[in-house]
Amino acid sequence: LEPEAAGNGVPSGRRPLTAEGELRELFETTG
């Protein structure tokens, strides 16, 4: 209903780490 909301208080995409495997990859980089 409000396309202009994208990027103006409404997320237009997903945050980092919220897809499958990304959190595991993050932990792998720490050793």
ModelCIF file with pLDDT and N, C-alpha, C, O atoms, coordinates in Angstrom:
data_MODEL
#
_entry.id   MODEL 
#
_entity.id                         1 
_entity.type                       polymer 
_entity.pdbx_number_of_molecules   1 
#
_entity_poly.entity_id                      1 
_entity_poly.type                           'polypeptide(L)' 
_entity_poly.nstd_linkage                   no 
_entity_poly.nstd_monomer                   no 
_entity_poly.pdbx_seq_one_letter_code       LEPEAAGNGVPSGRRPLTAEGELRELFETTG 
_entity_poly.pdbx_seq_one_letter_code_can   LEPEAAGNGVPSGRRPLTAEGELRELFETTG 
_entity_poly.pdbx_strand_id                 A 
#
loop_
_entity_poly_seq.entity_id 
_entity_poly_seq.num 
_entity_poly_seq.mon_id 
_entity_poly_seq.hetero 
1 1  LEU n 
1 2  GLU n 
1 3  PRO n 
1 4  GLU n 
1 5  ALA n 
1 6  ALA n 
1 7  GLY n 
1 8  ASN n 
1 9  GLY n 
1 10 VAL n 
1 11 PRO n 
1 12 SER n 
1 13 GLY n 
1 14 ARG n 
1 15 ARG n 
1 16 PRO n 
1 17 LEU n 
1 18 THR n 
1 19 ALA n 
1 20 GLU n 
1 21 GLY n 
1 22 GLU n 
1 23 LEU n 
1 24 ARG n 
1 25 GLU n 
1 26 LEU n 
1 27 PHE n 
1 28 GLU n 
1 29 THR n 
1 30 THR n 
1 31 GLY n 
#
_struct_asym.id          A 
_struct_asym.entity_id   1 
#
loop_
_ma_qa_metric.id 
_ma_qa_metric.mode 
_ma_qa_metric.name 
_ma_qa_metric.software_group_id 
_ma_qa_metric.type 
1 global pLDDT . pLDDT 
2 local  pLDDT . pLDDT 
#
_ma_qa_metric_global.metric_id      1 
_ma_qa_metric_global.metric_value   83.16 
_ma_qa_metric_global.model_id       1 
_ma_qa_metric_global.ordinal_id     1 
#
loop_
_ma_qa_metric_local.label_asym_id 
_ma_qa_metric_local.label_comp_id 
_ma_qa_metric_local.label_seq_id 
_ma_qa_metric_local.metric_id 
_ma_qa_metric_local.metric_value 
_ma_qa_metric_local.model_id 
_ma_qa_metric_local.ordinal_id 
A LEU 1  2 88.00 1 1  
A GLU 2  2 83.00 1 2  
A PRO 3  2 77.00 1 3  
A GLU 4  2 73.00 1 4  
A ALA 5  2 72.00 1 5  
A ALA 6  2 70.00 1 6  
A GLY 7  2 65.00 1 7  
A ASN 8  2 63.00 1 8  
A GLY 9  2 57.00 1 9  
A VAL 10 2 62.00 1 10 
A PRO 11 2 61.00 1 11 
A SER 12 2 61.00 1 12 
A GLY 13 2 67.00 1 13 
A ARG 14 2 79.00 1 14 
A ARG 15 2 82.00 1 15 
A PRO 16 2 87.00 1 16 
A LEU 17 2 94.00 1 17 
A THR 18 2 93.00 1 18 
A ALA 19 2 93.00 1 19 
A GLU 20 2 94.00 1 20 
A GLY 21 2 96.00 1 21 
A GLU 22 2 97.00 1 22 
A LEU 23 2 97.00 1 23 
A ARG 24 2 97.00 1 24 
A GLU 25 2 97.00 1 25 
A LEU 26 2 97.00 1 26 
A PHE 27 2 97.00 1 27 
A GLU 28 2 96.00 1 28 
A THR 29 2 95.00 1 29 
A THR 30 2 95.00 1 30 
A GLY 31 2 93.00 1 31 
#
loop_
_atom_site.group_PDB 
_atom_site.id 
_atom_site.type_symbol 
_atom_site.label_atom_id 
_atom_site.label_alt_id 
_atom_site.label_comp_id 
_atom_site.label_asym_id 
_atom_site.label_entity_id 
_atom_site.label_seq_id 
_atom_site.pdbx_PDB_ins_code 
_atom_site.Cartn_x 
_atom_site.Cartn_y 
_atom_site.Cartn_z 
_atom_site.occupancy 
_atom_site.B_iso_or_equiv 
_atom_site.pdbx_formal_charge 
_atom_site.auth_seq_id 
_atom_site.auth_comp_id 
_atom_site.auth_asym_id 
_atom_site.auth_atom_id 
_atom_site.pdbx_PDB_model_num 
ATOM 1   N N  . LEU A 1 1  ? 0.806  -1.224  0.000  1.00 88.00 ? 1  LEU A N  1 
ATOM 2   C CA . LEU A 1 1  ? 0.000  0.000   0.000  1.00 88.00 ? 1  LEU A CA 1 
ATOM 3   C C  . LEU A 1 1  ? 0.839  1.274   0.000  1.00 88.00 ? 1  LEU A C  1 
ATOM 4   O O  . LEU A 1 1  ? 0.397  2.318   -0.479 1.00 88.00 ? 1  LEU A O  1 
ATOM 5   N N  . GLU A 1 2  ? 2.042  1.180   0.537  1.00 83.00 ? 2  GLU A N  1 
ATOM 6   C CA . GLU A 1 2  ? 2.901  2.356   0.684  1.00 83.00 ? 2  GLU A CA 1 
ATOM 7   C C  . GLU A 1 2  ? 4.300  2.044   0.161  1.00 83.00 ? 2  GLU A C  1 
ATOM 8   O O  . GLU A 1 2  ? 5.228  1.891   0.955  1.00 83.00 ? 2  GLU A O  1 
ATOM 9   N N  . PRO A 1 3  ? 4.473  1.946   -1.154 1.00 77.00 ? 3  PRO A N  1 
ATOM 10  C CA . PRO A 1 3  ? 5.784  1.585   -1.706 1.00 77.00 ? 3  PRO A CA 1 
ATOM 11  C C  . PRO A 1 3  ? 6.908  2.507   -1.255 1.00 77.00 ? 3  PRO A C  1 
ATOM 12  O O  . PRO A 1 3  ? 8.058  2.082   -1.145 1.00 77.00 ? 3  PRO A O  1 
ATOM 13  N N  . GLU A 1 4  ? 6.576  3.780   -0.991 1.00 73.00 ? 4  GLU A N  1 
ATOM 14  C CA . GLU A 1 4  ? 7.620  4.722   -0.573 1.00 73.00 ? 4  GLU A CA 1 
ATOM 15  C C  . GLU A 1 4  ? 8.156  4.408   0.822  1.00 73.00 ? 4  GLU A C  1 
ATOM 16  O O  . GLU A 1 4  ? 9.138  5.006   1.261  1.00 73.00 ? 4  GLU A O  1 
ATOM 17  N N  . ALA A 1 5  ? 7.516  3.479   1.513  1.00 72.00 ? 5  ALA A N  1 
ATOM 18  C CA . ALA A 1 5  ? 7.987  3.128   2.858  1.00 72.00 ? 5  ALA A CA 1 
ATOM 19  C C  . ALA A 1 5  ? 9.310  2.381   2.812  1.00 72.00 ? 5  ALA A C  1 
ATOM 20  O O  . ALA A 1 5  ? 10.056 2.401   3.791  1.00 72.00 ? 5  ALA A O  1 
ATOM 21  N N  . ALA A 1 6  ? 9.622  1.719   1.694  1.00 70.00 ? 6  ALA A N  1 
ATOM 22  C CA . ALA A 1 6  ? 10.870 0.963   1.596  1.00 70.00 ? 6  ALA A CA 1 
ATOM 23  C C  . ALA A 1 6  ? 12.061 1.877   1.831  1.00 70.00 ? 6  ALA A C  1 
ATOM 24  O O  . ALA A 1 6  ? 12.228 2.888   1.149  1.00 70.00 ? 6  ALA A O  1 
ATOM 25  N N  . GLY A 1 7  ? 12.881 1.514   2.797  1.00 65.00 ? 7  GLY A N  1 
ATOM 26  C CA . GLY A 1 7  ? 14.034 2.327   3.145  1.00 65.00 ? 7  GLY A CA 1 
ATOM 27  C C  . GLY A 1 7  ? 13.699 3.558   3.953  1.00 65.00 ? 7  GLY A C  1 
ATOM 28  O O  . GLY A 1 7  ? 14.586 4.350   4.272  1.00 65.00 ? 7  GLY A O  1 
ATOM 29  N N  . ASN A 1 8  ? 12.428 3.735   4.292  1.00 63.00 ? 8  ASN A N  1 
ATOM 30  C CA . ASN A 1 8  ? 12.002 4.913   5.063  1.00 63.00 ? 8  ASN A CA 1 
ATOM 31  C C  . ASN A 1 8  ? 11.236 4.448   6.298  1.00 63.00 ? 8  ASN A C  1 
ATOM 32  O O  . ASN A 1 8  ? 10.112 4.878   6.558  1.00 63.00 ? 8  ASN A O  1 
ATOM 33  N N  . GLY A 1 9  ? 11.872 3.567   7.042  1.00 57.00 ? 9  GLY A N  1 
ATOM 34  C CA . GLY A 1 9  ? 11.243 3.019   8.238  1.00 57.00 ? 9  GLY A CA 1 
ATOM 35  C C  . GLY A 1 9  ? 10.782 1.592   8.053  1.00 57.00 ? 9  GLY A C  1 
ATOM 36  O O  . GLY A 1 9  ? 10.445 0.925   9.031  1.00 57.00 ? 9  GLY A O  1 
ATOM 37  N N  . VAL A 1 10 ? 10.758 1.098   6.808  1.00 62.00 ? 10 VAL A N  1 
ATOM 38  C CA . VAL A 1 10 ? 10.331 -0.274  6.528  1.00 62.00 ? 10 VAL A CA 1 
ATOM 39  C C  . VAL A 1 10 ? 11.474 -1.010  5.851  1.00 62.00 ? 10 VAL A C  1 
ATOM 40  O O  . VAL A 1 10 ? 11.978 -0.530  4.835  1.00 62.00 ? 10 VAL A O  1 
ATOM 41  N N  . PRO A 1 11 ? 11.902 -2.144  6.365  1.00 61.00 ? 11 PRO A N  1 
ATOM 42  C CA . PRO A 1 11 ? 13.002 -2.864  5.719  1.00 61.00 ? 11 PRO A CA 1 
ATOM 43  C C  . PRO A 1 11 ? 12.617 -3.349  4.327  1.00 61.00 ? 11 PRO A C  1 
ATOM 44  O O  . PRO A 1 11 ? 11.547 -3.925  4.132  1.00 61.00 ? 11 PRO A O  1 
ATOM 45  N N  . SER A 1 12 ? 13.498 -3.110  3.369  1.00 61.00 ? 12 SER A N  1 
ATOM 46  C CA . SER A 1 12 ? 13.234 -3.519  1.999  1.00 61.00 ? 12 SER A CA 1 
ATOM 47  C C  . SER A 1 12 ? 13.906 -4.838  1.658  1.00 61.00 ? 12 SER A C  1 
ATOM 48  O O  . SER A 1 12 ? 13.748 -5.336  0.543  1.00 61.00 ? 12 SER A O  1 
ATOM 49  N N  . GLY A 1 13 ? 14.643 -5.410  2.582  1.00 67.00 ? 13 GLY A N  1 
ATOM 50  C CA . GLY A 1 13 ? 15.315 -6.689  2.371  1.00 67.00 ? 13 GLY A CA 1 
ATOM 51  C C  . GLY A 1 13 ? 15.699 -7.299  3.696  1.00 67.00 ? 13 GLY A C  1 
ATOM 52  O O  . GLY A 1 13 ? 15.449 -6.721  4.754  1.00 67.00 ? 13 GLY A O  1 
ATOM 53  N N  . ARG A 1 14 ? 16.295 -8.443  3.640  1.00 79.00 ? 14 ARG A N  1 
ATOM 54  C CA . ARG A 1 14 ? 16.628 -9.147  4.877  1.00 79.00 ? 14 ARG A CA 1 
ATOM 55  C C  . ARG A 1 14 ? 17.920 -8.608  5.485  1.00 79.00 ? 14 ARG A C  1 
ATOM 56  O O  . ARG A 1 14 ? 18.768 -8.048  4.790  1.00 79.00 ? 14 ARG A O  1 
ATOM 57  N N  . ARG A 1 15 ? 18.048 -8.789  6.786  1.00 82.00 ? 15 ARG A N  1 
ATOM 58  C CA . ARG A 1 15 ? 19.271 -8.431  7.484  1.00 82.00 ? 15 ARG A CA 1 
ATOM 59  C C  . ARG A 1 15 ? 20.336 -9.496  7.251  1.00 82.00 ? 15 ARG A C  1 
ATOM 60  O O  . ARG A 1 15 ? 20.007 -10.648 6.967  1.00 82.00 ? 15 ARG A O  1 
ATOM 61  N N  . PRO A 1 16 ? 21.620 -9.121  7.369  1.00 87.00 ? 16 PRO A N  1 
ATOM 62  C CA . PRO A 1 16 ? 22.681 -10.131 7.327  1.00 87.00 ? 16 PRO A CA 1 
ATOM 63  C C  . PRO A 1 16 ? 22.481 -11.180 8.417  1.00 87.00 ? 16 PRO A C  1 
ATOM 64  O O  . PRO A 1 16 ? 21.936 -10.884 9.480  1.00 87.00 ? 16 PRO A O  1 
ATOM 65  N N  . LEU A 1 17 ? 22.921 -12.391 8.150  1.00 94.00 ? 17 LEU A N  1 
ATOM 66  C CA . LEU A 1 17 ? 22.901 -13.540 9.068  1.00 94.00 ? 17 LEU A CA 1 
ATOM 67  C C  . LEU A 1 17 ? 21.537 -14.207 9.166  1.00 94.00 ? 17 LEU A C  1 
ATOM 68  O O  . LEU A 1 17 ? 21.409 -15.203 9.879  1.00 94.00 ? 17 LEU A O  1 
ATOM 69  N N  . THR A 1 18 ? 20.513 -13.705 8.484  1.00 93.00 ? 18 THR A N  1 
ATOM 70  C CA . THR A 1 18 ? 19.173 -14.261 8.648  1.00 93.00 ? 18 THR A CA 1 
ATOM 71  C C  . THR A 1 18 ? 18.822 -15.290 7.589  1.00 93.00 ? 18 THR A C  1 
ATOM 72  O O  . THR A 1 18 ? 17.667 -15.707 7.495  1.00 93.00 ? 18 THR A O  1 
ATOM 73  N N  . ALA A 1 19 ? 19.805 -15.712 6.782  1.00 93.00 ? 19 ALA A N  1 
ATOM 74  C CA . ALA A 1 19 ? 19.612 -16.807 5.832  1.00 93.00 ? 19 ALA A CA 1 
ATOM 75  C C  . ALA A 1 19 ? 20.336 -18.051 6.346  1.00 93.00 ? 19 ALA A C  1 
ATOM 76  O O  . ALA A 1 19 ? 21.297 -17.950 7.108  1.00 93.00 ? 19 ALA A O  1 
ATOM 77  N N  . GLU A 1 20 ? 19.870 -19.210 5.927  1.00 94.00 ? 20 GLU A N  1 
ATOM 78  C CA . GLU A 1 20 ? 20.438 -20.474 6.389  1.00 94.00 ? 20 GLU A CA 1 
ATOM 79  C C  . GLU A 1 20 ? 21.932 -20.545 6.072  1.00 94.00 ? 20 GLU A C  1 
ATOM 80  O O  . GLU A 1 20 ? 22.353 -20.236 4.957  1.00 94.00 ? 20 GLU A O  1 
ATOM 81  N N  . GLY A 1 21 ? 22.726 -20.955 7.060  1.00 96.00 ? 21 GLY A N  1 
ATOM 82  C CA . GLY A 1 21 ? 24.156 -21.154 6.879  1.00 96.00 ? 21 GLY A CA 1 
ATOM 83  C C  . GLY A 1 21 ? 25.014 -19.955 7.204  1.00 96.00 ? 21 GLY A C  1 
ATOM 84  O O  . GLY A 1 21 ? 26.212 -20.111 7.444  1.00 96.00 ? 21 GLY A O  1 
ATOM 85  N N  . GLU A 1 22 ? 24.444 -18.759 7.220  1.00 97.00 ? 22 GLU A N  1 
ATOM 86  C CA . GLU A 1 22 ? 25.257 -17.563 7.432  1.00 97.00 ? 22 GLU A CA 1 
ATOM 87  C C  . GLU A 1 22 ? 25.795 -17.463 8.859  1.00 97.00 ? 22 GLU A C  1 
ATOM 88  O O  . GLU A 1 22 ? 26.936 -17.047 9.060  1.00 97.00 ? 22 GLU A O  1 
ATOM 89  N N  . LEU A 1 23 ? 24.994 -17.835 9.838  1.00 97.00 ? 23 LEU A N  1 
ATOM 90  C CA . LEU A 1 23 ? 25.460 -17.779 11.225 1.00 97.00 ? 23 LEU A CA 1 
ATOM 91  C C  . LEU A 1 23 ? 26.568 -18.799 11.448 1.00 97.00 ? 23 LEU A C  1 
ATOM 92  O O  . LEU A 1 23 ? 27.540 -18.516 12.147 1.00 97.00 ? 23 LEU A O  1 
ATOM 93  N N  . ARG A 1 24 ? 26.430 -19.976 10.863 1.00 97.00 ? 24 ARG A N  1 
ATOM 94  C CA . ARG A 1 24 ? 27.484 -20.982 10.965 1.00 97.00 ? 24 ARG A CA 1 
ATOM 95  C C  . ARG A 1 24 ? 28.782 -20.467 10.341 1.00 97.00 ? 24 ARG A C  1 
ATOM 96  O O  . ARG A 1 24 ? 29.853 -20.618 10.927 1.00 97.00 ? 24 ARG A O  1 
ATOM 97  N N  . GLU A 1 25 ? 28.691 -19.866 9.165  1.00 97.00 ? 25 GLU A N  1 
ATOM 98  C CA . GLU A 1 25 ? 29.869 -19.318 8.504  1.00 97.00 ? 25 GLU A CA 1 
ATOM 99  C C  . GLU A 1 25 ? 30.541 -18.258 9.371  1.00 97.00 ? 25 GLU A C  1 
ATOM 100 O O  . GLU A 1 25 ? 31.768 -18.174 9.418  1.00 97.00 ? 25 GLU A O  1 
ATOM 101 N N  . LEU A 1 26 ? 29.737 -17.455 10.052 1.00 97.00 ? 26 LEU A N  1 
ATOM 102 C CA . LEU A 1 26 ? 30.295 -16.442 10.945 1.00 97.00 ? 26 LEU A CA 1 
ATOM 103 C C  . LEU A 1 26 ? 31.117 -17.096 12.050 1.00 97.00 ? 26 LEU A C  1 
ATOM 104 O O  . LEU A 1 26 ? 32.234 -16.660 12.329 1.00 97.00 ? 26 LEU A O  1 
ATOM 105 N N  . PHE A 1 27 ? 30.586 -18.122 12.672 1.00 97.00 ? 27 PHE A N  1 
ATOM 106 C CA . PHE A 1 27 ? 31.314 -18.801 13.741 1.00 97.00 ? 27 PHE A CA 1 
ATOM 107 C C  . PHE A 1 27 ? 32.581 -19.471 13.216 1.00 97.00 ? 27 PHE A C  1 
ATOM 108 O O  . PHE A 1 27 ? 33.588 -19.534 13.922 1.00 97.00 ? 27 PHE A O  1 
ATOM 109 N N  . GLU A 1 28 ? 32.535 -19.968 11.994 1.00 96.00 ? 28 GLU A N  1 
ATOM 110 C CA . GLU A 1 28 ? 33.713 -20.617 11.427 1.00 96.00 ? 28 GLU A CA 1 
ATOM 111 C C  . GLU A 1 28 ? 34.864 -19.636 11.265 1.00 96.00 ? 28 GLU A C  1 
ATOM 112 O O  . GLU A 1 28 ? 36.025 -20.027 11.387 1.00 96.00 ? 28 GLU A O  1 
ATOM 113 N N  . THR A 1 29 ? 34.567 -18.373 10.993 1.00 95.00 ? 29 THR A N  1 
ATOM 114 C CA . THR A 1 29 ? 35.631 -17.380 10.802 1.00 95.00 ? 29 THR A CA 1 
ATOM 115 C C  . THR A 1 29 ? 36.354 -17.042 12.096 1.00 95.00 ? 29 THR A C  1 
ATOM 116 O O  . THR A 1 29 ? 37.449 -16.481 12.055 1.00 95.00 ? 29 THR A O  1 
ATOM 117 N N  . THR A 1 30 ? 35.772 -17.366 13.236 1.00 95.00 ? 30 THR A N  1 
ATOM 118 C CA . THR A 1 30 ? 36.386 -17.022 14.526 1.00 95.00 ? 30 THR A CA 1 
ATOM 119 C C  . THR A 1 30 ? 37.406 -18.037 14.998 1.00 95.00 ? 30 THR A C  1 
ATOM 120 O O  . THR A 1 30 ? 38.169 -17.761 15.924 1.00 95.00 ? 30 THR A O  1 
ATOM 121 N N  . GLY A 1 31 ? 37.432 -19.202 14.380 1.00 93.00 ? 31 GLY A N  1 
ATOM 122 C CA . GLY A 1 31 ? 38.314 -20.268 14.838 1.00 93.00 ? 31 GLY A CA 1 
ATOM 123 C C  . GLY A 1 31 ? 37.682 -21.209 15.833 1.00 93.00 ? 31 GLY A C  1 
ATOM 124 O O  . GLY A 1 31 ? 38.331 -22.150 16.291 1.00 93.00 ? 31 GLY A O  1 
#
